[in-house]
Every structure is written in C-alpha cells, then in structure tokens.
Amino acid sequence: MEYTNKVLDHFRNPRNVGELEDANAVGKVGSPSCGDKMEMYLKIEEGIIKEAKFMTFGCAAAISSSSVATELLKGMRVEEALQLTNQRVVEELGGLPEAKIHCSVMVEEAVQAALEDYEQRKKQEII
C-alpha cells in the first residue's frame, strides 16, 4: 500500500494533536469495521473556527486525514466547514489508497458531529 509523502509527513508529524480544553464543538466517531476512533475539537468564535485539534486512534491514513483536516478548518467559517468533504481531505493529502478512503470519511463525519454539537450548545445558551 503506497502512501503519498504528504500522508507520511502528517502521520509522522501530526499537527494539532490533543484535546482542546475550551472547545465549544466536539465530534466523536468510530468505525467498528477497522477499530479506528476519532475525536475532533473545535473552538468557534463569532462563526469562525479559531482552533482545531484532534485525537485519533488508528492507522496512518486516519491520523494524517485528521491532521490535514485541522489545518484546513482553522480560519474557516462554520458554513464553509459544513461543506468540507472527505474528497477535499483526500485531495489535500495527494490521495489515499482505495482501501483507506473510509478514514477520510470518518474525518468528514467527525467534523459534522462537532458542528452539530456546536449548534446544540448554541441552542442551549438561548434557552
């Protein structure tokens, strides 16, 4: 299985790893088929993602997909982040082996879950 240099770089030197203590958006997903687990933490202020971190238990593709996603997310408006697809993550990494595409799908799901969490928290603040 061949990985691109960018995948290997993000795997060996992942960016933005760790929990974000003051996150106001948290998405947690897992894939029973491969055992990967992913947590995405976002700090959103005035509709803009100021900080993004992740914790991923998984293979090189899962870790590198998470890492590159956090770089893409920083500075994005929530509306833009809602449009982040696994294809964009794969393109940013220069490709993933077909058998590892599900890792980028998990990233998309984790981001969506975090943004749903953010919306729920906003609604609770209003109440």
Protein backbone atom coordinates (compact mmCIF):
# COMPACT_ATOMS: atom_id res chain seq x y z
CA MET A 1 0.00 0.00 0.00
CA GLU A 2 1.54 3.25 -1.14
CA TYR A 3 1.08 6.50 0.75
CA THR A 4 1.97 9.94 -0.59
CA ASN A 5 4.77 11.92 1.02
CA LYS A 6 2.17 14.30 2.45
CA VAL A 7 0.27 11.44 4.10
CA LEU A 8 3.51 10.14 5.61
CA ASP A 9 4.51 13.63 6.78
CA HIS A 10 1.17 14.20 8.54
CA PHE A 11 1.38 10.71 10.05
CA ARG A 12 4.94 11.13 11.32
CA ASN A 13 4.47 14.78 12.34
CA PRO A 14 0.76 15.22 13.02
CA ARG A 15 -0.40 18.79 13.51
CA ASN A 16 -2.85 19.92 16.19
CA VAL A 17 -2.91 16.70 18.23
CA GLY A 18 -4.61 16.69 21.60
CA GLU A 19 -7.74 17.70 23.40
CA LEU A 20 -8.80 21.31 23.21
CA GLU A 21 -9.76 22.21 26.78
CA ASP A 22 -12.00 25.16 25.84
CA ALA A 23 -13.58 23.55 22.77
CA ASN A 24 -17.16 24.54 22.17
CA ALA A 25 -17.66 21.88 19.47
CA VAL A 26 -16.71 18.23 19.90
CA GLY A 27 -17.34 15.41 17.47
CA LYS A 28 -16.60 11.77 18.25
CA VAL A 29 -16.88 8.96 15.72
CA GLY A 30 -15.64 5.43 15.38
CA SER A 31 -15.51 2.73 12.77
CA PRO A 32 -16.25 -0.74 14.14
CA SER A 33 -15.07 -2.31 10.88
CA CYS A 34 -11.46 -1.20 11.37
CA GLY A 35 -11.33 -0.16 15.02
CA ASP A 36 -10.42 3.47 14.33
CA LYS A 37 -11.66 6.13 16.74
CA MET A 38 -11.59 9.87 16.09
CA GLU A 39 -12.36 12.94 18.18
CA MET A 40 -12.46 16.42 16.65
CA TYR A 41 -12.29 19.51 18.90
CA LEU A 42 -13.14 22.99 17.61
CA LYS A 43 -13.08 26.43 19.21
CA ILE A 44 -15.53 28.62 17.33
CA GLU A 45 -15.82 32.36 17.90
CA GLU A 46 -18.27 34.57 16.03
CA GLY A 47 -18.88 31.85 13.45
CA ILE A 48 -15.18 31.30 12.68
CA ILE A 49 -13.12 28.25 13.66
CA LYS A 50 -10.24 29.72 15.63
CA GLU A 51 -8.69 26.45 16.78
CA ALA A 52 -8.95 22.80 15.76
CA LYS A 53 -7.40 19.74 17.40
CA PHE A 54 -7.89 16.02 17.16
CA MET A 55 -7.31 12.74 18.95
CA THR A 56 -7.29 9.72 16.65
CA PHE A 57 -6.61 6.09 17.36
CA GLY A 58 -5.99 4.48 14.02
CA CYS A 59 -3.78 3.88 11.04
CA ALA A 60 -1.56 6.30 9.11
CA ALA A 61 -4.45 7.31 6.84
CA ALA A 62 -6.75 8.10 9.79
CA ILE A 63 -4.14 10.16 11.61
CA SER A 64 -2.98 12.06 8.52
CA SER A 65 -6.58 12.73 7.45
CA SER A 66 -7.35 14.15 10.89
CA SER A 67 -4.19 16.25 10.90
CA VAL A 68 -4.74 17.81 7.49
CA ALA A 69 -8.41 18.47 8.29
CA THR A 70 -7.48 20.55 11.34
CA GLU A 71 -5.20 22.67 9.17
CA LEU A 72 -7.97 23.18 6.62
CA LEU A 73 -10.56 24.03 9.29
CA LYS A 74 -8.63 26.80 11.04
CA GLY A 75 -9.96 30.15 9.91
CA MET A 76 -12.99 28.67 8.14
CA ARG A 77 -16.46 29.97 8.73
CA VAL A 78 -18.88 27.39 10.13
CA GLU A 79 -20.80 27.47 6.83
CA GLU A 80 -17.62 26.57 4.93
CA ALA A 81 -16.71 23.82 7.38
CA LEU A 82 -20.13 22.24 6.83
CA GLN A 83 -19.08 21.80 3.19
CA LEU A 84 -15.78 20.07 3.99
CA THR A 85 -15.87 16.68 2.29
CA ASN A 86 -13.73 13.61 2.54
CA GLN A 87 -12.78 14.19 -1.12
CA ARG A 88 -11.25 17.55 -0.16
CA VAL A 89 -9.22 15.86 2.59
CA VAL A 90 -8.03 13.18 0.15
CA GLU A 91 -7.08 15.83 -2.43
CA GLU A 92 -5.18 17.80 0.20
CA LEU A 93 -3.21 14.66 1.08
CA GLY A 94 -2.44 13.95 -2.58
CA GLY A 95 -4.56 10.81 -2.49
CA LEU A 96 -5.21 7.78 -0.32
CA PRO A 97 -5.29 4.10 -1.24
CA GLU A 98 -8.82 2.98 -2.09
CA ALA A 99 -8.90 0.71 0.96
CA LYS A 100 -8.23 3.73 3.21
CA ILE A 101 -10.81 6.19 1.86
CA HIS A 102 -13.07 5.32 4.82
CA CYS A 103 -10.56 7.15 7.05
CA SER A 104 -11.25 10.43 5.26
CA VAL A 105 -14.99 9.71 5.54
CA MET A 106 -14.55 9.42 9.30
CA VAL A 107 -12.96 12.88 9.34
CA GLU A 108 -15.94 14.32 7.47
CA GLU A 109 -18.27 12.62 9.96
CA ALA A 110 -16.25 13.89 12.96
CA VAL A 111 -16.35 17.47 11.65
CA GLN A 112 -20.10 17.20 11.02
CA ALA A 113 -20.63 15.79 14.52
CA ALA A 114 -18.59 18.63 16.05
CA LEU A 115 -20.58 21.25 14.14
CA GLU A 116 -23.86 19.61 15.22
CA ASP A 117 -22.59 19.72 18.81
CA TYR A 118 -21.81 23.43 18.36
CA GLU A 119 -25.34 24.13 17.11
CA GLN A 120 -26.84 22.22 20.05
CA ARG A 121 -24.73 24.19 22.51
CA LYS A 122 -25.81 27.47 20.90
CA LYS A 123 -29.46 26.49 21.22
CA GLN A 124 -28.99 25.64 24.90
CA GLU A 125 -27.41 29.06 25.52
CA ILE A 126 -30.54 30.72 24.15
CA ILE A 127 -32.85 28.77 26.45
